[in-house]
Amino acid sequence: MSIMSAIALYAVIWFLTMFLVLPFRLTTQGEAGDVVPGTPSSAPSDAQMLRKVKLVTILATGAFIVIAGIIISEVITYDMIESVTRSR
C-alpha cells in the first residue's frame, strides 16, 4: 500500500465514522426548548464537535490499523474477493 493509498483509506474511514457518530447524543433546539429565531427546531443546540472529532479520530485510527493490517499482510486479497463476487 502506497502512502497516498493509506491517506485516502484513512480519510474514507474517518469521514464514514464521522457521519456515523454525528447523531449520537444530539439534543435539538426543540428538545432543549430554546429555538434560535431563523433556525429550524431540529437544529442541534450543542453539537459538541470537538468531543466528536476526538472520538472519531480514535475510532477511525483503530479501524484503519485493522484494515491496513489486513491489506498489507494479504490475509484477504483481491483475488479472494473476485472469486466470491464473480458472476457465473
N, C-alpha and C. Protein backbone atom coordinates (compact mmCIF):
# COMPACT_ATOMS: atom_id res chain seq x y z
N MET A 1 0.85 -1.16 0.00
CA MET A 1 0.00 0.00 0.00
C MET A 1 0.91 1.24 0.00
N SER A 2 0.64 2.13 -0.93
CA SER A 2 1.43 3.35 -1.00
C SER A 2 0.95 4.36 0.04
N ILE A 3 1.73 5.40 0.21
CA ILE A 3 1.37 6.44 1.18
C ILE A 3 0.04 7.11 0.79
N MET A 4 -0.12 7.40 -0.50
CA MET A 4 -1.36 8.05 -0.95
C MET A 4 -2.57 7.14 -0.76
N SER A 5 -2.40 5.85 -0.97
CA SER A 5 -3.49 4.90 -0.73
C SER A 5 -3.85 4.86 0.75
N ALA A 6 -2.85 4.91 1.60
CA ALA A 6 -3.09 4.89 3.05
C ALA A 6 -3.82 6.16 3.48
N ILE A 7 -3.42 7.31 2.94
CA ILE A 7 -4.09 8.57 3.28
C ILE A 7 -5.53 8.55 2.81
N ALA A 8 -5.75 8.07 1.59
CA ALA A 8 -7.11 8.00 1.05
C ALA A 8 -7.97 7.05 1.88
N LEU A 9 -7.41 5.90 2.26
CA LEU A 9 -8.15 4.93 3.06
C LEU A 9 -8.50 5.53 4.42
N TYR A 10 -7.55 6.20 5.05
CA TYR A 10 -7.80 6.82 6.36
C TYR A 10 -8.88 7.90 6.24
N ALA A 11 -8.83 8.71 5.19
CA ALA A 11 -9.82 9.77 5.01
C ALA A 11 -11.21 9.19 4.83
N VAL A 12 -11.33 8.13 4.05
CA VAL A 12 -12.64 7.50 3.84
C VAL A 12 -13.17 6.93 5.15
N ILE A 13 -12.31 6.24 5.89
CA ILE A 13 -12.72 5.67 7.17
C ILE A 13 -13.10 6.78 8.16
N TRP A 14 -12.31 7.86 8.19
CA TRP A 14 -12.57 8.95 9.14
C TRP A 14 -13.92 9.60 8.86
N PHE A 15 -14.18 9.95 7.60
CA PHE A 15 -15.44 10.61 7.28
C PHE A 15 -16.63 9.67 7.45
N LEU A 16 -16.48 8.41 7.11
CA LEU A 16 -17.56 7.45 7.34
C LEU A 16 -17.88 7.35 8.83
N THR A 17 -16.84 7.28 9.63
CA THR A 17 -17.03 7.22 11.08
C THR A 17 -17.67 8.51 11.60
N MET A 18 -17.26 9.65 11.05
CA MET A 18 -17.84 10.93 11.48
C MET A 18 -19.34 10.98 11.19
N PHE A 19 -19.75 10.54 10.01
CA PHE A 19 -21.17 10.55 9.68
C PHE A 19 -21.95 9.57 10.55
N LEU A 20 -21.30 8.51 11.02
CA LEU A 20 -21.97 7.57 11.92
C LEU A 20 -22.09 8.12 13.33
N VAL A 21 -21.11 8.89 13.77
CA VAL A 21 -21.07 9.40 15.14
C VAL A 21 -21.87 10.70 15.32
N LEU A 22 -22.04 11.48 14.27
CA LEU A 22 -22.69 12.78 14.39
C LEU A 22 -24.04 12.75 15.12
N PRO A 23 -24.93 11.82 14.87
CA PRO A 23 -26.22 11.89 15.56
C PRO A 23 -26.21 11.40 17.00
N PHE A 24 -25.12 10.83 17.49
CA PHE A 24 -25.08 10.33 18.86
C PHE A 24 -25.15 11.48 19.85
N ARG A 25 -25.96 11.33 20.91
CA ARG A 25 -26.13 12.32 21.98
C ARG A 25 -26.46 13.71 21.46
N LEU A 26 -27.26 13.76 20.41
CA LEU A 26 -27.65 15.03 19.82
C LEU A 26 -28.92 15.55 20.49
N THR A 27 -28.87 16.75 20.99
CA THR A 27 -30.03 17.41 21.58
C THR A 27 -30.43 18.54 20.65
N THR A 28 -31.64 18.49 20.13
CA THR A 28 -32.09 19.53 19.22
C THR A 28 -32.55 20.75 20.00
N GLN A 29 -32.66 21.86 19.29
CA GLN A 29 -33.13 23.08 19.94
C GLN A 29 -34.57 22.92 20.39
N GLY A 30 -35.36 22.16 19.65
CA GLY A 30 -36.75 21.92 20.05
C GLY A 30 -36.84 21.12 21.34
N GLU A 31 -35.96 20.12 21.51
CA GLU A 31 -35.94 19.33 22.74
C GLU A 31 -35.46 20.16 23.92
N ALA A 32 -34.49 21.05 23.67
CA ALA A 32 -33.95 21.88 24.73
C ALA A 32 -34.90 23.02 25.09
N GLY A 33 -35.84 23.34 24.20
CA GLY A 33 -36.80 24.41 24.45
C GLY A 33 -36.26 25.80 24.21
N ASP A 34 -35.15 25.90 23.48
CA ASP A 34 -34.53 27.20 23.21
C ASP A 34 -34.23 27.30 21.72
N VAL A 35 -35.26 27.60 20.91
CA VAL A 35 -35.10 27.68 19.46
C VAL A 35 -34.66 29.09 19.09
N VAL A 36 -33.50 29.18 18.43
CA VAL A 36 -32.98 30.47 17.97
C VAL A 36 -33.80 30.91 16.77
N PRO A 37 -34.26 32.15 16.75
CA PRO A 37 -35.05 32.62 15.61
C PRO A 37 -34.28 32.48 14.30
N GLY A 38 -34.97 31.97 13.27
CA GLY A 38 -34.35 31.79 11.96
C GLY A 38 -33.76 30.42 11.75
N THR A 39 -33.80 29.56 12.78
CA THR A 39 -33.29 28.19 12.63
C THR A 39 -34.42 27.20 12.86
N PRO A 40 -34.33 26.02 12.26
CA PRO A 40 -35.36 25.03 12.50
C PRO A 40 -35.22 24.45 13.91
N SER A 41 -36.31 23.92 14.43
CA SER A 41 -36.26 23.36 15.78
C SER A 41 -35.45 22.07 15.83
N SER A 42 -35.15 21.49 14.66
CA SER A 42 -34.35 20.26 14.62
C SER A 42 -32.85 20.54 14.60
N ALA A 43 -32.45 21.81 14.60
CA ALA A 43 -31.02 22.16 14.63
C ALA A 43 -30.44 21.80 16.00
N PRO A 44 -29.18 21.36 16.03
CA PRO A 44 -28.59 20.99 17.32
C PRO A 44 -28.43 22.20 18.24
N SER A 45 -28.68 21.97 19.52
CA SER A 45 -28.49 23.07 20.47
C SER A 45 -27.02 23.15 20.90
N ASP A 46 -26.36 22.01 21.04
CA ASP A 46 -24.94 21.96 21.36
C ASP A 46 -24.37 20.72 20.69
N ALA A 47 -23.69 20.91 19.57
CA ALA A 47 -23.22 19.78 18.77
C ALA A 47 -22.01 19.07 19.39
N GLN A 48 -21.24 19.74 20.25
CA GLN A 48 -20.05 19.17 20.88
C GLN A 48 -19.09 18.58 19.84
N MET A 49 -18.76 19.38 18.83
CA MET A 49 -17.98 18.89 17.71
C MET A 49 -16.55 18.50 18.10
N LEU A 50 -15.91 19.23 18.99
CA LEU A 50 -14.54 18.88 19.37
C LEU A 50 -14.50 17.50 20.01
N ARG A 51 -15.46 17.24 20.86
CA ARG A 51 -15.54 15.93 21.52
C ARG A 51 -15.77 14.82 20.49
N LYS A 52 -16.63 15.09 19.51
CA LYS A 52 -16.93 14.09 18.48
C LYS A 52 -15.74 13.89 17.55
N VAL A 53 -15.02 14.95 17.24
CA VAL A 53 -13.83 14.82 16.38
C VAL A 53 -12.78 13.96 17.07
N LYS A 54 -12.58 14.16 18.37
CA LYS A 54 -11.62 13.34 19.12
C LYS A 54 -12.04 11.87 19.11
N LEU A 55 -13.32 11.61 19.37
CA LEU A 55 -13.82 10.24 19.38
C LEU A 55 -13.68 9.59 18.01
N VAL A 56 -14.04 10.33 16.96
CA VAL A 56 -13.95 9.80 15.60
C VAL A 56 -12.51 9.51 15.23
N THR A 57 -11.59 10.36 15.62
CA THR A 57 -10.17 10.14 15.31
C THR A 57 -9.66 8.87 15.98
N ILE A 58 -10.06 8.64 17.21
CA ILE A 58 -9.64 7.42 17.91
C ILE A 58 -10.24 6.18 17.25
N LEU A 59 -11.54 6.22 16.96
CA LEU A 59 -12.20 5.07 16.34
C LEU A 59 -11.67 4.81 14.93
N ALA A 60 -11.49 5.87 14.15
CA ALA A 60 -11.02 5.72 12.78
C ALA A 60 -9.58 5.21 12.73
N THR A 61 -8.75 5.64 13.67
CA THR A 61 -7.37 5.17 13.71
C THR A 61 -7.32 3.67 14.02
N GLY A 62 -8.14 3.24 14.97
CA GLY A 62 -8.21 1.80 15.27
C GLY A 62 -8.70 1.00 14.08
N ALA A 63 -9.75 1.47 13.42
CA ALA A 63 -10.27 0.76 12.25
C ALA A 63 -9.24 0.76 11.12
N PHE A 64 -8.53 1.87 10.95
CA PHE A 64 -7.51 1.95 9.90
C PHE A 64 -6.39 0.95 10.16
N ILE A 65 -5.95 0.84 11.40
CA ILE A 65 -4.88 -0.11 11.72
C ILE A 65 -5.30 -1.53 11.38
N VAL A 66 -6.52 -1.89 11.72
CA VAL A 66 -7.01 -3.24 11.43
C VAL A 66 -7.12 -3.46 9.92
N ILE A 67 -7.75 -2.53 9.21
CA ILE A 67 -7.96 -2.70 7.77
C ILE A 67 -6.64 -2.64 7.01
N ALA A 68 -5.76 -1.72 7.37
CA ALA A 68 -4.46 -1.64 6.70
C ALA A 68 -3.63 -2.89 7.00
N GLY A 69 -3.73 -3.41 8.21
CA GLY A 69 -3.03 -4.65 8.53
C GLY A 69 -3.51 -5.82 7.69
N ILE A 70 -4.81 -5.89 7.47
CA ILE A 70 -5.36 -6.96 6.62
C ILE A 70 -4.88 -6.80 5.18
N ILE A 71 -4.85 -5.57 4.68
CA ILE A 71 -4.41 -5.33 3.31
C ILE A 71 -2.93 -5.62 3.15
N ILE A 72 -2.11 -5.15 4.09
CA ILE A 72 -0.66 -5.32 3.97
C ILE A 72 -0.25 -6.77 4.16
N SER A 73 -0.87 -7.47 5.10
CA SER A 73 -0.50 -8.87 5.35
C SER A 73 -1.11 -9.82 4.33
N GLU A 74 -1.99 -9.32 3.50
CA GLU A 74 -2.66 -10.10 2.45
C GLU A 74 -3.45 -11.27 3.01
N VAL A 75 -4.07 -11.07 4.16
CA VAL A 75 -4.98 -12.08 4.70
C VAL A 75 -6.16 -12.23 3.76
N ILE A 76 -6.65 -11.11 3.25
CA ILE A 76 -7.69 -11.09 2.24
C ILE A 76 -7.10 -10.40 1.02
N THR A 77 -7.12 -11.05 -0.13
CA THR A 77 -6.56 -10.49 -1.34
C THR A 77 -7.66 -10.14 -2.32
N TYR A 78 -7.30 -9.40 -3.34
CA TYR A 78 -8.25 -9.03 -4.38
C TYR A 78 -8.77 -10.27 -5.09
N ASP A 79 -7.90 -11.25 -5.30
CA ASP A 79 -8.32 -12.49 -5.98
C ASP A 79 -9.38 -13.24 -5.16
N MET A 80 -9.25 -13.23 -3.83
CA MET A 80 -10.26 -13.87 -2.98
C MET A 80 -11.61 -13.18 -3.13
N ILE A 81 -11.59 -11.86 -3.12
CA ILE A 81 -12.84 -11.10 -3.26
C ILE A 81 -13.44 -11.33 -4.63
N GLU A 82 -12.60 -11.36 -5.66
CA GLU A 82 -13.09 -11.57 -7.01
C GLU A 82 -13.69 -12.96 -7.18
N SER A 83 -13.09 -13.96 -6.54
CA SER A 83 -13.62 -15.32 -6.68
C SER A 83 -14.98 -15.46 -6.01
N VAL A 84 -15.25 -14.67 -4.98
CA VAL A 84 -16.54 -14.72 -4.29
C VAL A 84 -17.59 -13.93 -5.05
N THR A 85 -17.20 -12.79 -5.61
CA THR A 85 -18.19 -11.90 -6.25
C THR A 85 -18.31 -12.11 -7.76
N ARG A 86 -17.52 -12.98 -8.33
CA ARG A 86 -17.56 -13.21 -9.78
C ARG A 86 -18.90 -13.82 -10.16
N SER A 87 -19.50 -13.28 -11.22
CA SER A 87 -20.77 -13.87 -11.69
C SER A 87 -20.46 -15.09 -12.56
N ARG A 88 -21.26 -16.07 -12.38
CA ARG A 88 -21.02 -17.35 -13.07
C ARG A 88 -21.84 -17.45 -14.30
